Amino acid sequence: MHCDSPCNGICQLDHADHCLGCLRTRGEIAAWSEMAVPEKYFVLTAVRERRELSPTIIRYELTTAA
């Protein structure tokens, strides 16, 4: 089984240590390649929850994508 990285090339950390592009923490990004698939799905669930709580991140992505 395989799980793609959520990285979208916007690699900049905010004040809370979350990537502005994928919303993973610095530690999650660093550990991604060594994680088992279930751990990656756990991180992706956390990312989804962070995105729901961070509408400013979505605005950032939309304004930089244009």
N, C-alpha and C. Protein backbone atom coordinates (compact mmCIF):
# COMPACT_ATOMS: atom_id res chain seq x y z
N MET A 1 0.84 -1.17 0.00
CA MET A 1 0.00 0.00 0.00
C MET A 1 0.89 1.24 0.00
N HIS A 2 0.43 2.29 -0.66
CA HIS A 2 1.21 3.52 -0.82
C HIS A 2 0.36 4.72 -0.39
N CYS A 3 1.01 5.75 0.12
CA CYS A 3 0.31 6.97 0.53
C CYS A 3 1.15 8.15 0.05
N ASP A 4 0.59 8.96 -0.85
CA ASP A 4 1.32 10.11 -1.39
C ASP A 4 1.47 11.21 -0.35
N SER A 5 2.56 11.92 -0.46
CA SER A 5 2.82 13.07 0.41
C SER A 5 1.84 14.19 0.06
N PRO A 6 1.37 14.93 1.05
CA PRO A 6 0.48 16.06 0.79
C PRO A 6 1.23 17.32 0.36
N CYS A 7 2.54 17.25 0.22
CA CYS A 7 3.33 18.42 -0.15
C CYS A 7 2.84 18.98 -1.49
N ASN A 8 2.68 20.30 -1.53
CA ASN A 8 2.27 20.95 -2.77
C ASN A 8 3.26 22.03 -3.22
N GLY A 9 4.46 21.99 -2.63
CA GLY A 9 5.51 22.90 -3.07
C GLY A 9 5.51 24.26 -2.41
N ILE A 10 4.58 24.52 -1.51
CA ILE A 10 4.57 25.78 -0.75
C ILE A 10 5.21 25.45 0.60
N CYS A 11 6.51 25.53 0.67
CA CYS A 11 7.25 25.04 1.84
C CYS A 11 7.72 26.20 2.70
N GLN A 12 6.83 26.63 3.58
CA GLN A 12 7.15 27.73 4.49
C GLN A 12 6.39 27.48 5.79
N LEU A 13 7.10 27.55 6.92
CA LEU A 13 6.46 27.29 8.21
C LEU A 13 5.88 28.57 8.79
N ASP A 14 4.73 28.44 9.44
CA ASP A 14 4.12 29.59 10.12
C ASP A 14 4.57 29.64 11.57
N HIS A 15 4.01 30.54 12.34
CA HIS A 15 4.40 30.72 13.74
C HIS A 15 4.07 29.50 14.60
N ALA A 16 3.16 28.66 14.17
CA ALA A 16 2.76 27.47 14.92
C ALA A 16 3.52 26.22 14.45
N ASP A 17 4.53 26.41 13.59
CA ASP A 17 5.35 25.32 13.07
C ASP A 17 4.58 24.41 12.12
N HIS A 18 3.59 24.97 11.41
CA HIS A 18 2.85 24.23 10.39
C HIS A 18 3.26 24.77 9.02
N CYS A 19 3.44 23.88 8.08
CA CYS A 19 3.76 24.29 6.72
C CYS A 19 2.55 25.00 6.12
N LEU A 20 2.77 26.14 5.50
CA LEU A 20 1.67 26.89 4.89
C LEU A 20 1.07 26.16 3.69
N GLY A 21 1.80 25.24 3.11
CA GLY A 21 1.30 24.51 1.96
C GLY A 21 0.50 23.27 2.33
N CYS A 22 1.09 22.42 3.16
CA CYS A 22 0.44 21.13 3.44
C CYS A 22 -0.08 21.00 4.87
N LEU A 23 0.25 21.95 5.72
CA LEU A 23 -0.19 21.99 7.12
C LEU A 23 0.40 20.90 8.00
N ARG A 24 1.45 20.23 7.54
CA ARG A 24 2.14 19.30 8.41
C ARG A 24 3.12 20.09 9.28
N THR A 25 3.46 19.52 10.43
CA THR A 25 4.47 20.14 11.27
C THR A 25 5.86 19.80 10.73
N ARG A 26 6.84 20.52 11.22
CA ARG A 26 8.22 20.26 10.81
C ARG A 26 8.58 18.79 11.08
N GLY A 27 8.18 18.27 12.24
CA GLY A 27 8.46 16.88 12.60
C GLY A 27 7.76 15.89 11.69
N GLU A 28 6.51 16.18 11.33
CA GLU A 28 5.77 15.29 10.43
C GLU A 28 6.40 15.26 9.05
N ILE A 29 6.87 16.40 8.60
CA ILE A 29 7.52 16.48 7.29
C ILE A 29 8.82 15.67 7.32
N ALA A 30 9.61 15.87 8.36
CA ALA A 30 10.90 15.19 8.47
C ALA A 30 10.74 13.68 8.58
N ALA A 31 9.70 13.23 9.25
CA ALA A 31 9.51 11.80 9.49
C ALA A 31 8.73 11.09 8.38
N TRP A 32 8.12 11.83 7.46
CA TRP A 32 7.21 11.25 6.47
C TRP A 32 7.78 10.04 5.75
N SER A 33 8.99 10.15 5.26
CA SER A 33 9.55 9.05 4.45
C SER A 33 9.80 7.78 5.27
N GLU A 34 9.89 7.89 6.57
CA GLU A 34 10.12 6.72 7.43
C GLU A 34 8.83 6.18 8.06
N MET A 35 7.71 6.90 7.88
CA MET A 35 6.45 6.48 8.50
C MET A 35 5.83 5.29 7.78
N ALA A 36 5.17 4.45 8.55
CA ALA A 36 4.36 3.38 7.98
C ALA A 36 3.07 4.01 7.44
N VAL A 37 2.42 3.34 6.53
CA VAL A 37 1.20 3.87 5.92
C VAL A 37 0.15 4.27 6.95
N PRO A 38 -0.13 3.46 7.99
CA PRO A 38 -1.13 3.89 8.97
C PRO A 38 -0.76 5.20 9.67
N GLU A 39 0.53 5.41 9.91
CA GLU A 39 0.97 6.67 10.52
C GLU A 39 0.74 7.84 9.56
N LYS A 40 0.99 7.60 8.28
CA LYS A 40 0.76 8.66 7.29
C LYS A 40 -0.72 9.04 7.22
N TYR A 41 -1.60 8.04 7.29
CA TYR A 41 -3.03 8.35 7.28
C TYR A 41 -3.45 9.11 8.53
N PHE A 42 -2.79 8.83 9.65
CA PHE A 42 -3.06 9.57 10.88
C PHE A 42 -2.67 11.04 10.69
N VAL A 43 -1.51 11.28 10.07
CA VAL A 43 -1.06 12.65 9.80
C VAL A 43 -2.02 13.34 8.83
N LEU A 44 -2.45 12.63 7.79
CA LEU A 44 -3.38 13.22 6.83
C LEU A 44 -4.71 13.60 7.48
N THR A 45 -5.15 12.81 8.44
CA THR A 45 -6.36 13.15 9.19
C THR A 45 -6.14 14.42 10.00
N ALA A 46 -4.98 14.53 10.64
CA ALA A 46 -4.65 15.73 11.40
C ALA A 46 -4.58 16.95 10.49
N VAL A 47 -4.00 16.77 9.30
CA VAL A 47 -3.91 17.86 8.33
C VAL A 47 -5.31 18.34 7.93
N ARG A 48 -6.20 17.39 7.68
CA ARG A 48 -7.57 17.74 7.29
C ARG A 48 -8.24 18.55 8.40
N GLU A 49 -8.04 18.15 9.65
CA GLU A 49 -8.61 18.87 10.77
C GLU A 49 -8.00 20.27 10.90
N ARG A 50 -6.70 20.39 10.68
CA ARG A 50 -6.05 21.70 10.74
C ARG A 50 -6.59 22.61 9.65
N ARG A 51 -6.80 22.04 8.47
CA ARG A 51 -7.32 22.85 7.36
C ARG A 51 -8.71 23.40 7.68
N GLU A 52 -9.54 22.59 8.32
CA GLU A 52 -10.88 23.03 8.70
C GLU A 52 -10.82 24.16 9.73
N LEU A 53 -9.78 24.17 10.55
CA LEU A 53 -9.63 25.19 11.58
C LEU A 53 -8.82 26.39 11.13
N SER A 54 -8.28 26.34 9.90
CA SER A 54 -7.38 27.39 9.43
C SER A 54 -7.81 27.96 8.08
N PRO A 55 -8.91 28.70 8.04
CA PRO A 55 -9.35 29.25 6.74
C PRO A 55 -8.34 30.21 6.13
N THR A 56 -7.46 30.81 6.94
CA THR A 56 -6.47 31.72 6.37
C THR A 56 -5.46 30.98 5.52
N ILE A 57 -5.20 29.73 5.82
CA ILE A 57 -4.28 28.94 5.00
C ILE A 57 -4.87 28.75 3.61
N ILE A 58 -6.15 28.47 3.54
CA ILE A 58 -6.81 28.29 2.24
C ILE A 58 -6.73 29.59 1.44
N ARG A 59 -6.97 30.73 2.08
CA ARG A 59 -6.86 32.02 1.38
C ARG A 59 -5.45 32.23 0.87
N TYR A 60 -4.44 31.86 1.66
CA TYR A 60 -3.06 32.00 1.24
C TYR A 60 -2.80 31.19 -0.02
N GLU A 61 -3.26 29.95 -0.05
CA GLU A 61 -3.07 29.08 -1.21
C GLU A 61 -3.75 29.66 -2.44
N LEU A 62 -4.96 30.17 -2.27
CA LEU A 62 -5.70 30.70 -3.41
C LEU A 62 -5.05 31.95 -3.96
N THR A 63 -4.52 32.82 -3.10
CA THR A 63 -3.92 34.06 -3.60
C THR A 63 -2.56 33.81 -4.22
N THR A 64 -1.83 32.81 -3.75
CA THR A 64 -0.51 32.56 -4.32
C THR A 64 -0.59 31.69 -5.58
N ALA A 65 -1.68 31.00 -5.77
CA ALA A 65 -1.82 30.12 -6.93
C ALA A 65 -2.14 30.91 -8.21
N ALA A 66 -2.63 32.11 -8.07
CA ALA A 66 -3.05 32.90 -9.24
C ALA A 66 -1.90 33.47 -10.02
